Amino acid sequence: MRWDGPDGYWVSDDPALLDVTRVHGWMSAESYWAQGREYQVMATAIEHSLVFGLYAADGTQAGFARAHRLGSFLVEAATSHPDVGSIRQVLMAAPERGLYRRLGFAGLRSPERWLERRGEGPG
């Protein structure tokens, strides 16, 4: 699918369009939740996931751009996709992130029922 957005930007769920090297760079070097993640781990996660890319009018992947509400546009497209829009979605993010609250995310209803098993690797 493709969603057209502001200023010629668009979102696609076609994994063949993704620049995996660029996505890995963003995630492993610039995100707080996947700092140091290995390339193959990221590539495998992309391969086995429903993925979304944000692209400029010329087709250059912009990914996690935040200017001009593009981050909101990207997250809204991903969370409203027909394959996931009607199911419960759980997000791990810093609680003060207003972007996610504006899109309907809130604290867990029953946090006492959640458990976590931490892996040994980074992230």
PDB file of N, CA and C in Angstrom:
ATOM      1  N   MET A   1       0.840  -1.184   0.000  1.00  0.00           N
ATOM      2  CA  MET A   1       0.000   0.000   0.000  1.00  0.00           C
ATOM      3  C   MET A   1       0.882   1.244   0.000  1.00  0.00           C
ATOM      4  N   ARG A   2       0.273   2.324  -0.434  1.00  0.00           N
ATOM      5  CA  ARG A   2       0.964   3.608  -0.430  1.00  0.00           C
ATOM      6  C   ARG A   2       0.005   4.673   0.091  1.00  0.00           C
ATOM      7  N   TRP A   3       0.540   5.534   0.961  1.00  0.00           N
ATOM      8  CA  TRP A   3      -0.216   6.657   1.490  1.00  0.00           C
ATOM      9  C   TRP A   3       0.523   7.926   1.111  1.00  0.00           C
ATOM     10  N   ASP A   4      -0.179   8.871   0.504  1.00  0.00           N
ATOM     11  CA  ASP A   4       0.433  10.149   0.154  1.00  0.00           C
ATOM     12  C   ASP A   4       0.281  11.110   1.316  1.00  0.00           C
ATOM     13  N   GLY A   5       1.337  11.870   1.572  1.00  0.00           N
ATOM     14  CA  GLY A   5       1.344  12.776   2.709  1.00  0.00           C
ATOM     15  C   GLY A   5       1.721  14.183   2.325  1.00  0.00           C
ATOM     16  N   PRO A   6       2.076  14.978   3.302  1.00  0.00           N
ATOM     17  CA  PRO A   6       2.401  16.387   3.071  1.00  0.00           C
ATOM     18  C   PRO A   6       3.712  16.576   2.298  1.00  0.00           C
ATOM     19  N   ASP A   7       3.766  17.647   1.535  1.00  0.00           N
ATOM     20  CA  ASP A   7       4.985  18.076   0.843  1.00  0.00           C
ATOM     21  C   ASP A   7       5.575  17.011  -0.080  1.00  0.00           C
ATOM     22  N   GLY A   8       4.738  16.150  -0.648  1.00  0.00           N
ATOM     23  CA  GLY A   8       5.207  15.134  -1.571  1.00  0.00           C
ATOM     24  C   GLY A   8       5.733  13.878  -0.913  1.00  0.00           C
ATOM     25  N   TYR A   9       5.787  13.843   0.409  1.00  0.00           N
ATOM     26  CA  TYR A   9       6.236  12.644   1.114  1.00  0.00           C
ATOM     27  C   TYR A   9       5.156  11.571   1.033  1.00  0.00           C
ATOM     28  N   TRP A  10       5.585  10.336   1.147  1.00  0.00           N
ATOM     29  CA  TRP A  10       4.648   9.219   1.100  1.00  0.00           C
ATOM     30  C   TRP A  10       5.171   8.062   1.925  1.00  0.00           C
ATOM     31  N   VAL A  11       4.279   7.186   2.341  1.00  0.00           N
ATOM     32  CA  VAL A  11       4.608   6.008   3.137  1.00  0.00           C
ATOM     33  C   VAL A  11       4.219   4.780   2.328  1.00  0.00           C
ATOM     34  N   SER A  12       5.038   3.736   2.413  1.00  0.00           N
ATOM     35  CA  SER A  12       4.742   2.471   1.754  1.00  0.00           C
ATOM     36  C   SER A  12       5.020   1.317   2.709  1.00  0.00           C
ATOM     37  N   ASP A  13       4.251   0.256   2.553  1.00  0.00           N
ATOM     38  CA  ASP A  13       4.510  -0.958   3.331  1.00  0.00           C
ATOM     39  C   ASP A  13       5.225  -2.018   2.490  1.00  0.00           C
ATOM     40  N   ASP A  14       5.819  -1.612   1.364  1.00  0.00           N
ATOM     41  CA  ASP A  14       6.544  -2.529   0.484  1.00  0.00           C
ATOM     42  C   ASP A  14       7.983  -2.688   0.987  1.00  0.00           C
ATOM     43  N   PRO A  15       8.337  -3.860   1.542  1.00  0.00           N
ATOM     44  CA  PRO A  15       9.687  -4.031   2.080  1.00  0.00           C
ATOM     45  C   PRO A  15      10.786  -3.949   1.021  1.00  0.00           C
ATOM     46  N   ALA A  16      10.446  -4.192  -0.230  1.00  0.00           N
ATOM     47  CA  ALA A  16      11.452  -4.129  -1.300  1.00  0.00           C
ATOM     48  C   ALA A  16      11.975  -2.700  -1.504  1.00  0.00           C
ATOM     49  N   LEU A  17      11.231  -1.711  -1.066  1.00  0.00           N
ATOM     50  CA  LEU A  17      11.652  -0.316  -1.215  1.00  0.00           C
ATOM     51  C   LEU A  17      12.616   0.139  -0.125  1.00  0.00           C
ATOM     52  N   LEU A  18      12.692  -0.581   0.972  1.00  0.00           N
ATOM     53  CA  LEU A  18      13.501  -0.151   2.113  1.00  0.00           C
ATOM     54  C   LEU A  18      14.994  -0.199   1.817  1.00  0.00           C
ATOM     55  N   ASP A  19      15.697   0.787   2.304  1.00  0.00           N
ATOM     56  CA  ASP A  19      17.158   0.801   2.299  1.00  0.00           C
ATOM     57  C   ASP A  19      17.584   0.246   3.658  1.00  0.00           C
ATOM     58  N   VAL A  20      17.772  -1.056   3.735  1.00  0.00           N
ATOM     59  CA  VAL A  20      18.030  -1.730   5.012  1.00  0.00           C
ATOM     60  C   VAL A  20      19.295  -1.195   5.685  1.00  0.00           C
ATOM     61  N   THR A  21      20.304  -0.878   4.902  1.00  0.00           N
ATOM     62  CA  THR A  21      21.534  -0.324   5.474  1.00  0.00           C
ATOM     63  C   THR A  21      21.252   1.009   6.154  1.00  0.00           C
ATOM     64  N   ARG A  22      20.456   1.841   5.531  1.00  0.00           N
ATOM     65  CA  ARG A  22      20.096   3.135   6.119  1.00  0.00           C
ATOM     66  C   ARG A  22      19.268   2.947   7.384  1.00  0.00           C
ATOM     67  N   VAL A  23      18.284   2.051   7.325  1.00  0.00           N
ATOM     68  CA  VAL A  23      17.446   1.785   8.500  1.00  0.00           C
ATOM     69  C   VAL A  23      18.307   1.264   9.651  1.00  0.00           C
ATOM     70  N   HIS A  24      19.217   0.342   9.361  1.00  0.00           N
ATOM     71  CA  HIS A  24      20.106  -0.182  10.400  1.00  0.00           C
ATOM     72  C   HIS A  24      20.934   0.940  11.018  1.00  0.00           C
ATOM     73  N   GLY A  25      21.447   1.826  10.183  1.00  0.00           N
ATOM     74  CA  GLY A  25      22.220   2.959  10.703  1.00  0.00           C
ATOM     75  C   GLY A  25      21.414   3.818  11.658  1.00  0.00           C
ATOM     76  N   TRP A  26      20.196   4.134  11.264  1.00  0.00           N
ATOM     77  CA  TRP A  26      19.332   4.942  12.142  1.00  0.00           C
ATOM     78  C   TRP A  26      19.081   4.212  13.459  1.00  0.00           C
ATOM     79  N   MET A  27      18.690   2.952  13.357  1.00  0.00           N
ATOM     80  CA  MET A  27      18.304   2.213  14.557  1.00  0.00           C
ATOM     81  C   MET A  27      19.494   1.963  15.483  1.00  0.00           C
ATOM     82  N   SER A  28      20.608   1.495  14.940  1.00  0.00           N
ATOM     83  CA  SER A  28      21.732   1.093  15.784  1.00  0.00           C
ATOM     84  C   SER A  28      22.551   2.261  16.308  1.00  0.00           C
ATOM     85  N   ALA A  29      22.481   3.402  15.627  1.00  0.00           N
ATOM     86  CA  ALA A  29      23.297   4.541  16.051  1.00  0.00           C
ATOM     87  C   ALA A  29      22.495   5.699  16.624  1.00  0.00           C
ATOM     88  N   GLU A  30      21.226   5.840  16.232  1.00  0.00           N
ATOM     89  CA  GLU A  30      20.477   7.027  16.623  1.00  0.00           C
ATOM     90  C   GLU A  30      19.285   6.777  17.535  1.00  0.00           C
ATOM     91  N   SER A  31      18.837   5.523  17.665  1.00  0.00           N
ATOM     92  CA  SER A  31      17.685   5.272  18.537  1.00  0.00           C
ATOM     93  C   SER A  31      18.174   4.884  19.932  1.00  0.00           C
ATOM     94  N   TYR A  32      17.357   5.143  20.930  1.00  0.00           N
ATOM     95  CA  TYR A  32      17.739   4.750  22.284  1.00  0.00           C
ATOM     96  C   TYR A  32      17.345   3.304  22.566  1.00  0.00           C
ATOM     97  N   TRP A  33      16.422   2.753  21.807  1.00  0.00           N
ATOM     98  CA  TRP A  33      15.924   1.406  22.075  1.00  0.00           C
ATOM     99  C   TRP A  33      16.666   0.304  21.318  1.00  0.00           C
ATOM    100  N   ALA A  34      17.484   0.652  20.332  1.00  0.00           N
ATOM    101  CA  ALA A  34      18.192  -0.380  19.563  1.00  0.00           C
ATOM    102  C   ALA A  34      19.659  -0.026  19.388  1.00  0.00           C
ATOM    103  N   GLN A  35      20.196   0.734  20.312  1.00  0.00           N
ATOM    104  CA  GLN A  35      21.597   1.168  20.259  1.00  0.00           C
ATOM    105  C   GLN A  35      22.523  -0.039  20.115  1.00  0.00           C
ATOM    106  N   GLY A  36      23.354  -0.042  19.088  1.00  0.00           N
ATOM    107  CA  GLY A  36      24.326  -1.096  18.896  1.00  0.00           C
ATOM    108  C   GLY A  36      23.794  -2.382  18.282  1.00  0.00           C
ATOM    109  N   ARG A  37      22.552  -2.381  17.850  1.00  0.00           N
ATOM    110  CA  ARG A  37      21.969  -3.597  17.262  1.00  0.00           C
ATOM    111  C   ARG A  37      22.745  -4.012  16.023  1.00  0.00           C
ATOM    112  N   GLU A  38      23.012  -5.294  15.880  1.00  0.00           N
ATOM    113  CA  GLU A  38      23.766  -5.797  14.736  1.00  0.00           C
ATOM    114  C   GLU A  38      22.925  -5.736  13.460  1.00  0.00           C
ATOM    115  N   TYR A  39      23.612  -5.580  12.326  1.00  0.00           N
ATOM    116  CA  TYR A  39      22.944  -5.467  11.030  1.00  0.00           C
ATOM    117  C   TYR A  39      22.055  -6.679  10.760  1.00  0.00           C
ATOM    118  N   GLN A  40      22.581  -7.885  10.959  1.00  0.00           N
ATOM    119  CA  GLN A  40      21.797  -9.079  10.627  1.00  0.00           C
ATOM    120  C   GLN A  40      20.542  -9.194  11.479  1.00  0.00           C
ATOM    121  N   VAL A  41      20.611  -8.766  12.732  1.00  0.00           N
ATOM    122  CA  VAL A  41      19.436  -8.777  13.605  1.00  0.00           C
ATOM    123  C   VAL A  41      18.374  -7.841  13.033  1.00  0.00           C
ATOM    124  N   MET A  42      18.799  -6.659  12.590  1.00  0.00           N
ATOM    125  CA  MET A  42      17.864  -5.696  12.009  1.00  0.00           C
ATOM    126  C   MET A  42      17.285  -6.220  10.701  1.00  0.00           C
ATOM    127  N   ALA A  43      18.129  -6.793   9.846  1.00  0.00           N
ATOM    128  CA  ALA A  43      17.673  -7.319   8.559  1.00  0.00           C
ATOM    129  C   ALA A  43      16.651  -8.445   8.762  1.00  0.00           C
ATOM    130  N   THR A  44      16.895  -9.312   9.722  1.00  0.00           N
ATOM    131  CA  THR A  44      15.963 -10.398  10.012  1.00  0.00           C
ATOM    132  C   THR A  44      14.643  -9.854  10.547  1.00  0.00           C
ATOM    133  N   ALA A  45      14.710  -8.873  11.425  1.00  0.00           N
ATOM    134  CA  ALA A  45      13.491  -8.261  11.962  1.00  0.00           C
ATOM    135  C   ALA A  45      12.664  -7.641  10.837  1.00  0.00           C
ATOM    136  N   ILE A  46      13.316  -6.974   9.902  1.00  0.00           N
ATOM    137  CA  ILE A  46      12.614  -6.373   8.768  1.00  0.00           C
ATOM    138  C   ILE A  46      11.979  -7.462   7.903  1.00  0.00           C
ATOM    139  N   GLU A  47      12.736  -8.520   7.659  1.00  0.00           N
ATOM    140  CA  GLU A  47      12.255  -9.610   6.809  1.00  0.00           C
ATOM    141  C   GLU A  47      10.993 -10.275   7.367  1.00  0.00           C
ATOM    142  N   HIS A  48      10.883 -10.325   8.688  1.00  0.00           N
ATOM    143  CA  HIS A  48       9.773 -11.031   9.327  1.00  0.00           C
ATOM    144  C   HIS A  48       8.735 -10.094   9.930  1.00  0.00           C
ATOM    145  N   SER A  49       8.672  -8.874   9.444  1.00  0.00           N
ATOM    146  CA  SER A  49       7.755  -7.896  10.016  1.00  0.00           C
ATOM    147  C   SER A  49       6.956  -7.195   8.930  1.00  0.00           C
ATOM    148  N   LEU A  50       5.855  -6.599   9.347  1.00  0.00           N
ATOM    149  CA  LEU A  50       5.132  -5.659   8.509  1.00  0.00           C
ATOM    150  C   LEU A  50       5.873  -4.340   8.664  1.00  0.00           C
ATOM    151  N   VAL A  51       6.435  -3.832   7.584  1.00  0.00           N
ATOM    152  CA  VAL A  51       7.319  -2.669   7.677  1.00  0.00           C
ATOM    153  C   VAL A  51       6.758  -1.491   6.887  1.00  0.00           C
ATOM    154  N   PHE A  52       7.207  -0.285   7.275  1.00  0.00           N
ATOM    155  CA  PHE A  52       6.767   0.947   6.637  1.00  0.00           C
ATOM    156  C   PHE A  52       7.975   1.840   6.394  1.00  0.00           C
ATOM    157  N   GLY A  53       8.045   2.407   5.225  1.00  0.00           N
ATOM    158  CA  GLY A  53       9.089   3.371   4.909  1.00  0.00           C
ATOM    159  C   GLY A  53       8.470   4.716   4.598  1.00  0.00           C
ATOM    160  N   LEU A  54       9.151   5.752   4.971  1.00  0.00           N
ATOM    161  CA  LEU A  54       8.746   7.123   4.642  1.00  0.00           C
ATOM    162  C   LEU A  54       9.698   7.616   3.571  1.00  0.00           C
ATOM    163  N   TYR A  55       9.158   8.150   2.479  1.00  0.00           N
ATOM    164  CA  TYR A  55       9.966   8.533   1.326  1.00  0.00           C
ATOM    165  C   TYR A  55       9.668   9.963   0.894  1.00  0.00           C
ATOM    166  N   ALA A  56      10.714  10.635   0.440  1.00  0.00           N
ATOM    167  CA  ALA A  56      10.565  11.976  -0.134  1.00  0.00           C
ATOM    168  C   ALA A  56       9.990  11.828  -1.540  1.00  0.00           C
ATOM    169  N   ALA A  57       9.574  12.928  -2.116  1.00  0.00           N
ATOM    170  CA  ALA A  57       8.972  12.916  -3.447  1.00  0.00           C
ATOM    171  C   ALA A  57       9.876  12.257  -4.481  1.00  0.00           C
ATOM    172  N   ASP A  58      11.196  12.385  -4.314  1.00  0.00           N
ATOM    173  CA  ASP A  58      12.130  11.787  -5.283  1.00  0.00           C
ATOM    174  C   ASP A  58      12.425  10.316  -4.999  1.00  0.00           C
ATOM    175  N   GLY A  59      11.782   9.732  -3.982  1.00  0.00           N
ATOM    176  CA  GLY A  59      11.967   8.329  -3.656  1.00  0.00           C
ATOM    177  C   GLY A  59      13.028   8.040  -2.629  1.00  0.00           C
ATOM    178  N   THR A  60      13.770   9.063  -2.183  1.00  0.00           N
ATOM    179  CA  THR A  60      14.793   8.875  -1.157  1.00  0.00           C
ATOM    180  C   THR A  60      14.120   8.519   0.163  1.00  0.00           C
ATOM    181  N   GLN A  61      14.606   7.477   0.812  1.00  0.00           N
ATOM    182  CA  GLN A  61      14.019   7.090   2.081  1.00  0.00           C
ATOM    183  C   GLN A  61      14.349   8.113   3.148  1.00  0.00           C
ATOM    184  N   ALA A  62      13.319   8.651   3.783  1.00  0.00           N
ATOM    185  CA  ALA A  62      13.474   9.626   4.847  1.00  0.00           C
ATOM    186  C   ALA A  62      13.266   8.984   6.212  1.00  0.00           C
ATOM    187  N   GLY A  63      12.591   7.853   6.235  1.00  0.00           N
ATOM    188  CA  GLY A  63      12.437   7.044   7.440  1.00  0.00           C
ATOM    189  C   GLY A  63      11.783   7.735   8.599  1.00  0.00           C
ATOM    190  N   PHE A  64      12.580   8.100   9.574  1.00  0.00           N
ATOM    191  CA  PHE A  64      12.079   8.611  10.836  1.00  0.00           C
ATOM    192  C   PHE A  64      12.148  10.131  10.933  1.00  0.00           C
ATOM    193  N   ALA A  65      11.908  10.800   9.820  1.00  0.00           N
ATOM    194  CA  ALA A  65      11.919  12.266   9.820  1.00  0.00           C
ATOM    195  C   ALA A  65      10.867  12.798  10.776  1.00  0.00           C
ATOM    196  N   ARG A  66      11.204  13.902  11.475  1.00  0.00           N
ATOM    197  CA  ARG A  66      10.273  14.480  12.438  1.00  0.00           C
ATOM    198  C   ARG A  66       9.729  15.833  11.988  1.00  0.00           C
ATOM    199  N   ALA A  67      10.331  16.438  10.983  1.00  0.00           N
ATOM    200  CA  ALA A  67       9.906  17.767  10.541  1.00  0.00           C
ATOM    201  C   ALA A  67       8.554  17.706   9.842  1.00  0.00           C
ATOM    202  N   HIS A  68       7.788  18.767   9.962  1.00  0.00           N
ATOM    203  CA  HIS A  68       6.496  18.920   9.257  1.00  0.00           C
ATOM    204  C   HIS A  68       5.530  17.782   9.559  1.00  0.00           C
ATOM    205  N   ARG A  69       5.504  17.284  10.776  1.00  0.00           N
ATOM    206  CA  ARG A  69       4.590  16.237  11.219  1.00  0.00           C
ATOM    207  C   ARG A  69       4.772  14.917  10.486  1.00  0.00           C
ATOM    208  N   LEU A  70       5.926  14.694   9.883  1.00  0.00           N
ATOM    209  CA  LEU A  70       6.133  13.455   9.138  1.00  0.00           C
ATOM    210  C   LEU A  70       6.224  12.239  10.052  1.00  0.00           C
ATOM    211  N   GLY A  71       6.775  12.394  11.251  1.00  0.00           N
ATOM    212  CA  GLY A  71       6.812  11.279  12.191  1.00  0.00           C
ATOM    213  C   GLY A  71       5.406  10.829  12.549  1.00  0.00           C
ATOM    214  N   SER A  72       4.518  11.775  12.816  1.00  0.00           N
ATOM    215  CA  SER A  72       3.124  11.435  13.115  1.00  0.00           C
ATOM    216  C   SER A  72       2.467  10.740  11.938  1.00  0.00           C
ATOM    217  N   PHE A  73       2.710  11.252  10.741  1.00  0.00           N
ATOM    218  CA  PHE A  73       2.149  10.658   9.530  1.00  0.00           C
ATOM    219  C   PHE A  73       2.608   9.213   9.381  1.00  0.00           C
ATOM    220  N   LEU A  74       3.895   8.954   9.595  1.00  0.00           N
ATOM    221  CA  LEU A  74       4.442   7.607   9.470  1.00  0.00           C
ATOM    222  C   LEU A  74       3.831   6.664  10.501  1.00  0.00           C
ATOM    223  N   VAL A  75       3.785   7.065  11.769  1.00  0.00           N
ATOM    224  CA  VAL A  75       3.245   6.200  12.814  1.00  0.00           C
ATOM    225  C   VAL A  75       1.750   5.978  12.599  1.00  0.00           C
ATOM    226  N   GLU A  76       1.024   7.018  12.196  1.00  0.00           N
ATOM    227  CA  GLU A  76      -0.409   6.857  11.946  1.00  0.00           C
ATOM    228  C   GLU A  76      -0.668   5.859  10.818  1.00  0.00           C
ATOM    229  N   ALA A  77       0.110   5.928   9.742  1.00  0.00           N
ATOM    230  CA  ALA A  77      -0.046   4.971   8.640  1.00  0.00           C
ATOM    231  C   ALA A  77       0.235   3.553   9.117  1.00  0.00           C
ATOM    232  N   ALA A  78       1.292   3.379   9.904  1.00  0.00           N
ATOM    233  CA  ALA A  78       1.661   2.045  10.375  1.00  0.00           C
ATOM    234  C   ALA A  78       0.625   1.467  11.337  1.00  0.00           C
ATOM    235  N   THR A  79       0.089   2.275  12.243  1.00  0.00           N
ATOM    236  CA  THR A  79      -0.847   1.763  13.243  1.00  0.00           C
ATOM    237  C   THR A  79      -2.264   1.615  12.710  1.00  0.00           C
ATOM    238  N   SER A  80      -2.573   2.220  11.574  1.00  0.00           N
ATOM    239  CA  SER A  80      -3.908   2.080  11.007  1.00  0.00           C
ATOM    240  C   SER A  80      -3.942   1.135   9.809  1.00  0.00           C
ATOM    241  N   HIS A  81      -2.825   0.491   9.502  1.00  0.00           N
ATOM    242  CA  HIS A  81      -2.760  -0.462   8.389  1.00  0.00           C
ATOM    243  C   HIS A  81      -3.847  -1.527   8.577  1.00  0.00           C
ATOM    244  N   PRO A  82      -4.524  -1.949   7.502  1.00  0.00           N
ATOM    245  CA  PRO A  82      -5.604  -2.935   7.636  1.00  0.00           C
ATOM    246  C   PRO A  82      -5.204  -4.225   8.341  1.00  0.00           C
ATOM    247  N   ASP A  83      -3.948  -4.614   8.261  1.00  0.00           N
ATOM    248  CA  ASP A  83      -3.512  -5.851   8.906  1.00  0.00           C
ATOM    249  C   ASP A  83      -3.345  -5.719  10.413  1.00  0.00           C
ATOM    250  N   VAL A  84      -3.246  -4.493  10.926  1.00  0.00           N
ATOM    251  CA  VAL A  84      -3.027  -4.316  12.365  1.00  0.00           C
ATOM    252  C   VAL A  84      -3.964  -3.288  13.002  1.00  0.00           C
ATOM    253  N   GLY A  85      -4.705  -2.542  12.218  1.00  0.00           N
ATOM    254  CA  GLY A  85      -5.514  -1.444  12.739  1.00  0.00           C
ATOM    255  C   GLY A  85      -6.574  -1.847  13.742  1.00  0.00           C
ATOM    256  N   SER A  86      -7.077  -3.074  13.669  1.00  0.00           N
ATOM    257  CA  SER A  86      -8.155  -3.485  14.564  1.00  0.00           C
ATOM    258  C   SER A  86      -7.690  -4.371  15.720  1.00  0.00           C
ATOM    259  N   ILE A  87      -6.386  -4.577  15.851  1.00  0.00           N
ATOM    260  CA  ILE A  87      -5.891  -5.419  16.943  1.00  0.00           C
ATOM    261  C   ILE A  87      -5.212  -4.577  18.014  1.00  0.00           C
ATOM    262  N   ARG A  88      -5.050  -5.148  19.184  1.00  0.00           N
ATOM    263  CA  ARG A  88      -4.358  -4.463  20.272  1.00  0.00           C
ATOM    264  C   ARG A  88      -2.900  -4.268  19.894  1.00  0.00           C
ATOM    265  N   GLN A  89      -2.400  -3.087  20.104  1.00  0.00           N
ATOM    266  CA  GLN A  89      -1.010  -2.780  19.777  1.00  0.00           C
ATOM    267  C   GLN A  89      -0.302  -2.332  21.044  1.00  0.00           C
ATOM    268  N   VAL A  90       0.877  -2.865  21.273  1.00  0.00           N
ATOM    269  CA  VAL A  90       1.671  -2.524  22.449  1.00  0.00           C
ATOM    270  C   VAL A  90       2.940  -1.849  21.957  1.00  0.00           C
ATOM    271  N   LEU A  91       3.286  -0.757  22.571  1.00  0.00           N
ATOM    272  CA  LEU A  91       4.428   0.046  22.148  1.00  0.00           C
ATOM    273  C   LEU A  91       5.368   0.249  23.327  1.00  0.00           C
ATOM    274  N   MET A  92       6.660   0.138  23.064  1.00  0.00           N
ATOM    275  CA  MET A  92       7.645   0.464  24.080  1.00  0.00           C
ATOM    276  C   MET A  92       8.297   1.775  23.672  1.00  0.00           C
ATOM    277  N   ALA A  93       8.084   2.804  24.450  1.00  0.00           N
ATOM    278  CA  ALA A  93       8.640   4.130  24.156  1.00  0.00           C
ATOM    279  C   ALA A  93       8.716   4.920  25.448  1.00  0.00           C
ATOM    280  N   ALA A  94       9.446   5.999  25.395  1.00  0.00           N
ATOM    281  CA  ALA A  94       9.497   6.888  26.554  1.00  0.00           C
ATOM    282  C   ALA A  94       8.082   7.417  26.806  1.00  0.00           C
ATOM    283  N   PRO A  95       7.583   7.332  28.046  1.00  0.00           N
ATOM    284  CA  PRO A  95       6.194   7.687  28.329  1.00  0.00           C
ATOM    285  C   PRO A  95       5.822   9.135  27.996  1.00  0.00           C
ATOM    286  N   GLU A  96       6.794  10.005  27.953  1.00  0.00           N
ATOM    287  CA  GLU A  96       6.472  11.410  27.683  1.00  0.00           C
ATOM    288  C   GLU A  96       6.283  11.718  26.201  1.00  0.00           C
ATOM    289  N   ARG A  97       6.388  10.709  25.333  1.00  0.00           N
ATOM    290  CA  ARG A  97       6.261  10.924  23.897  1.00  0.00           C
ATOM    291  C   ARG A  97       4.814  11.245  23.533  1.00  0.00           C
ATOM    292  N   GLY A  98       4.491  12.514  23.360  1.00  0.00           N
ATOM    293  CA  GLY A  98       3.143  12.959  23.030  1.00  0.00           C
ATOM    294  C   GLY A  98       2.649  12.430  21.699  1.00  0.00           C
ATOM    295  N   LEU A  99       3.568  12.187  20.762  1.00  0.00           N
ATOM    296  CA  LEU A  99       3.194  11.659  19.454  1.00  0.00           C
ATOM    297  C   LEU A  99       2.337  10.413  19.609  1.00  0.00           C
ATOM    298  N   TYR A 100       2.769   9.474  20.417  1.00  0.00           N
ATOM    299  CA  TYR A 100       2.059   8.213  20.556  1.00  0.00           C
ATOM    300  C   TYR A 100       0.740   8.387  21.309  1.00  0.00           C
ATOM    301  N   ARG A 101       0.712   9.255  22.290  1.00  0.00           N
ATOM    302  CA  ARG A 101      -0.542   9.518  23.013  1.00  0.00           C
ATOM    303  C   ARG A 101      -1.587  10.130  22.080  1.00  0.00           C
ATOM    304  N   ARG A 102      -1.168  11.020  21.182  1.00  0.00           N
ATOM    305  CA  ARG A 102      -2.110  11.614  20.219  1.00  0.00           C
ATOM    306  C   ARG A 102      -2.699  10.572  19.285  1.00  0.00           C
ATOM    307  N   LEU A 103      -1.995   9.467  19.094  1.00  0.00           N
ATOM    308  CA  LEU A 103      -2.470   8.399  18.211  1.00  0.00           C
ATOM    309  C   LEU A 103      -3.206   7.301  18.974  1.00  0.00           C
ATOM    310  N   GLY A 104      -3.521   7.553  20.247  1.00  0.00           N
ATOM    311  CA  GLY A 104      -4.351   6.636  21.012  1.00  0.00           C
ATOM    312  C   GLY A 104      -3.625   5.702  21.955  1.00  0.00           C
ATOM    313  N   PHE A 105      -2.291   5.758  22.007  1.00  0.00           N
ATOM    314  CA  PHE A 105      -1.553   4.906  22.932  1.00  0.00           C
ATOM    315  C   PHE A 105      -1.638   5.478  24.340  1.00  0.00           C
ATOM    316  N   ALA A 106      -1.786   4.592  25.323  1.00  0.00           N
ATOM    317  CA  ALA A 106      -1.859   4.994  26.729  1.00  0.00           C
ATOM    318  C   ALA A 106      -1.155   3.913  27.547  1.00  0.00           C
ATOM    319  N   GLY A 107      -1.062   4.125  28.850  1.00  0.00           N
ATOM    320  CA  GLY A 107      -0.446   3.133  29.718  1.00  0.00           C
ATOM    321  C   GLY A 107      -1.185   1.804  29.642  1.00  0.00           C
ATOM    322  N   LEU A 108      -0.504   0.716  29.976  1.00  0.00           N
ATOM    323  CA  LEU A 108      -1.121  -0.607  29.967  1.00  0.00           C
ATOM    324  C   LEU A 108      -2.279  -0.662  30.955  1.00  0.00           C
ATOM    325  N   ARG A 109      -3.352  -1.324  30.564  1.00  0.00           N
ATOM    326  CA  ARG A 109      -4.509  -1.464  31.464  1.00  0.00           C
ATOM    327  C   ARG A 109      -4.153  -2.278  32.703  1.00  0.00           C
ATOM    328  N   SER A 110      -3.370  -3.328  32.520  1.00  0.00           N
ATOM    329  CA  SER A 110      -3.009  -4.222  33.624  1.00  0.00           C
ATOM    330  C   SER A 110      -1.506  -4.483  33.607  1.00  0.00           C
ATOM    331  N   PRO A 111      -0.696  -3.486  33.949  1.00  0.00           N
ATOM    332  CA  PRO A 111       0.753  -3.684  33.875  1.00  0.00           C
ATOM    333  C   PRO A 111       1.254  -4.797  34.795  1.00  0.00           C
ATOM    334  N   GLU A 112       0.513  -5.092  35.853  1.00  0.00           N
ATOM    335  CA  GLU A 112       0.940  -6.141  36.772  1.00  0.00           C
ATOM    336  C   GLU A 112       0.879  -7.533  36.135  1.00  0.00           C
ATOM    337  N   ARG A 113       0.259  -7.667  34.969  1.00  0.00           N
ATOM    338  CA  ARG A 113       0.156  -8.959  34.298  1.00  0.00           C
ATOM    339  C   ARG A 113       1.249  -9.171  33.258  1.00  0.00           C
ATOM    340  N   TRP A 114       2.101  -8.175  33.040  1.00  0.00           N
ATOM    341  CA  TRP A 114       3.146  -8.268  32.017  1.00  0.00           C
ATOM    342  C   TRP A 114       4.455  -8.714  32.633  1.00  0.00           C
ATOM    343  N   LEU A 115       5.155  -9.569  31.920  1.00  0.00           N
ATOM    344  CA  LEU A 115       6.470 -10.032  32.324  1.00  0.00           C
ATOM    345  C   LEU A 115       7.445  -9.736  31.205  1.00  0.00           C
ATOM    346  N   GLU A 116       8.697  -9.672  31.558  1.00  0.00           N
ATOM    347  CA  GLU A 116       9.720  -9.411  30.554  1.00  0.00           C
ATOM    348  C   GLU A 116      10.859 -10.403  30.750  1.00  0.00           C
ATOM    349  N   ARG A 117      11.332 -10.941  29.621  1.00  0.00           N
ATOM    350  CA  ARG A 117      12.537 -11.773  29.631  1.00  0.00           C
ATOM    351  C   ARG A 117      13.574 -11.036  28.808  1.00  0.00           C
ATOM    352  N   ARG A 118      14.606 -10.605  29.431  1.00  0.00           N
ATOM    353  CA  ARG A 118      15.614  -9.812  28.746  1.00  0.00           C
ATOM    354  C   ARG A 118      16.664 -10.708  28.099  1.00  0.00           C
ATOM    355  N   GLY A 119      16.958 -10.409  26.842  1.00  0.00           N
ATOM    356  CA  GLY A 119      18.021 -11.133  26.145  1.00  0.00           C
ATOM    357  C   GLY A 119      19.374 -10.669  26.636  1.00  0.00           C
ATOM    358  N   GLU A 120      20.401 -11.358  26.226  1.00  0.00           N
ATOM    359  CA  GLU A 120      21.747 -11.027  26.665  1.00  0.00           C
ATOM    360  C   GLU A 120      22.410  -9.982  25.805  1.00  0.00           C
ATOM    361  N   GLY A 121      21.881  -9.747  24.593  1.00  0.00           N
ATOM    362  CA  GLY A 121      22.510  -8.797  23.674  1.00  0.00           C
ATOM    363  C   GLY A 121      22.047  -7.377  23.920  1.00  0.00           C
ATOM    364  N   PRO A 122      22.586  -6.430  23.130  1.00  0.00           N
ATOM    365  CA  PRO A 122      22.190  -5.038  23.268  1.00  0.00           C
ATOM    366  C   PRO A 122      20.740  -4.860  22.824  1.00  0.00           C
ATOM    367  N   GLY A 123      20.074  -3.847  23.366  1.00  0.00           N
ATOM    368  CA  GLY A 123      18.711  -3.534  22.960  1.00  0.00           C
ATOM    369  C   GLY A 123      17.763  -4.209  23.841  1.00  0.00           C
TER     370      GLY A 123
END
